[in-house]
Protein backbone atom coordinates (compact mmCIF):
# COMPACT_ATOMS: atom_id res chain seq x y z
CA MET A 1 0.00 0.00 0.00
CA SER A 2 1.24 3.46 -0.74
CA VAL A 3 1.09 6.53 1.44
CA LYS A 4 -2.37 8.15 1.54
CA HIS A 5 -2.49 11.87 0.79
CA LEU A 6 -5.30 13.21 2.97
CA LYS A 7 -7.49 16.29 2.58
CA THR A 8 -9.28 17.97 5.49
CA GLU A 9 -12.73 16.74 4.44
CA GLU A 10 -11.69 13.06 4.49
CA PHE A 11 -9.31 13.15 7.44
CA ASP A 12 -11.79 12.50 10.28
CA ALA A 13 -13.61 9.72 8.44
CA MET A 14 -10.30 8.02 7.67
CA MET A 15 -9.10 8.28 11.28
CA ASP A 16 -12.40 7.01 12.71
CA GLY A 17 -11.95 3.67 10.97
CA THR A 18 -8.22 3.36 11.63
CA PRO A 19 -6.87 1.91 14.89
CA LEU A 20 -3.28 3.10 14.25
CA ALA A 21 -2.06 5.90 12.00
CA MET A 22 1.10 7.86 11.31
CA VAL A 23 0.53 11.23 9.61
CA ASP A 24 3.36 13.24 8.07
CA PHE A 25 2.66 16.98 7.93
CA TRP A 26 4.87 18.30 5.12
CA ALA A 27 5.24 20.74 2.22
CA PRO A 28 6.83 20.24 -1.22
CA TRP A 29 9.27 23.14 -0.76
CA CYS A 30 10.69 21.66 2.50
CA GLY A 31 14.01 19.84 1.98
CA PRO A 32 13.80 17.63 5.11
CA CYS A 33 10.19 16.78 4.15
CA ARG A 34 11.34 15.56 0.74
CA MET A 35 14.06 13.49 2.42
CA LEU A 36 11.39 11.85 4.58
CA GLY A 37 9.22 10.91 1.58
CA PRO A 38 10.98 7.61 0.75
CA VAL A 39 10.98 6.64 4.44
CA MET A 40 7.20 7.12 4.56
CA GLU A 41 6.74 5.03 1.40
CA GLU A 42 8.89 2.25 2.90
CA LEU A 43 6.90 2.30 6.15
CA ALA A 44 3.58 2.29 4.27
CA ALA A 45 4.62 -0.94 2.57
CA GLN A 46 6.04 -2.46 5.74
CA TYR A 47 2.97 -1.71 7.88
CA GLU A 48 0.31 -2.45 5.29
CA GLY A 49 -2.71 -3.89 7.06
CA LYS A 50 -1.34 -2.84 10.48
CA ALA A 51 -1.18 0.98 10.32
CA LEU A 52 -2.24 3.78 8.04
CA VAL A 53 0.66 5.89 6.77
CA ALA A 54 -0.56 9.25 5.50
CA LYS A 55 0.69 12.66 4.46
CA VAL A 56 -0.95 16.08 4.80
CA ASN A 57 0.36 18.99 2.73
CA VAL A 58 0.31 21.93 5.17
CA ASP A 59 0.09 24.47 2.34
CA GLU A 60 -3.06 22.82 0.97
CA GLU A 61 -4.59 21.86 4.34
CA PRO A 62 -3.67 24.62 6.83
CA GLU A 63 -6.72 23.86 9.01
CA LEU A 64 -5.44 20.35 9.77
CA ALA A 65 -1.99 21.73 10.56
CA ARG A 66 -3.56 24.23 12.98
CA ARG A 67 -5.73 21.57 14.58
CA PHE A 68 -2.66 19.49 15.38
CA GLY A 69 -0.54 22.47 16.41
CA VAL A 70 2.04 21.86 13.72
CA MET A 71 4.59 24.66 14.00
CA ASN A 72 7.53 23.08 12.14
CA ILE A 73 7.73 20.58 9.33
CA PRO A 74 8.16 17.75 8.89
CA THR A 75 6.02 16.78 11.88
CA VAL A 76 4.90 13.16 12.11
CA VAL A 77 1.89 12.63 14.37
CA PHE A 78 1.01 9.15 15.65
CA LEU A 79 -2.68 8.43 16.33
CA LYS A 80 -4.28 5.48 18.06
CA ASN A 81 -8.06 5.28 17.69
CA GLY A 82 -8.01 8.89 16.50
CA GLN A 83 -6.11 10.23 19.52
CA GLU A 84 -2.55 11.52 19.31
CA PHE A 85 -0.12 9.52 21.44
CA ASP A 86 3.25 10.64 20.07
CA ARG A 87 4.91 12.96 17.55
CA LYS A 88 8.32 13.45 16.01
CA VAL A 89 9.47 16.78 14.59
CA GLY A 90 12.19 16.54 11.96
CA ALA A 91 13.50 13.99 9.49
CA PHE A 92 14.49 10.74 11.17
CA PRO A 93 15.49 7.29 9.89
CA SER A 94 12.74 4.71 9.59
CA ALA A 95 13.86 2.90 12.77
CA VAL A 96 12.69 5.86 14.90
CA PHE A 97 9.17 5.65 13.44
CA GLN A 98 9.15 1.84 13.54
CA GLU A 99 9.85 1.88 17.26
CA VAL A 100 6.79 4.08 17.94
CA LEU A 101 4.54 2.01 15.66
CA ASP A 102 5.74 -1.33 17.07
CA LYS A 103 5.06 -0.20 20.66
CA ALA A 104 1.51 0.76 19.67
CA LEU A 105 0.68 -2.49 17.86
């Protein structure tokens, strides 16, 4: 499965039916965000059927960024049953994200 690119209008519906999600708040002009892109794709494939891996473009969806208090990008927010339980700000290797996801599974 590939990374889902979410819009504001579909975000809540998607999270309601998802026990575990990792959402990358990013922008195309952000260098560290672009570096994180392949990591997110790799994790989407690795956690297919276990966790939703999604991206939200903060330029296109500023309301979602405000709702989650995203001040810097990339910010990766981890949600369990729709509630935030962790976040990472910055570009990290996949092992950092895997550790958070594995603890939540």
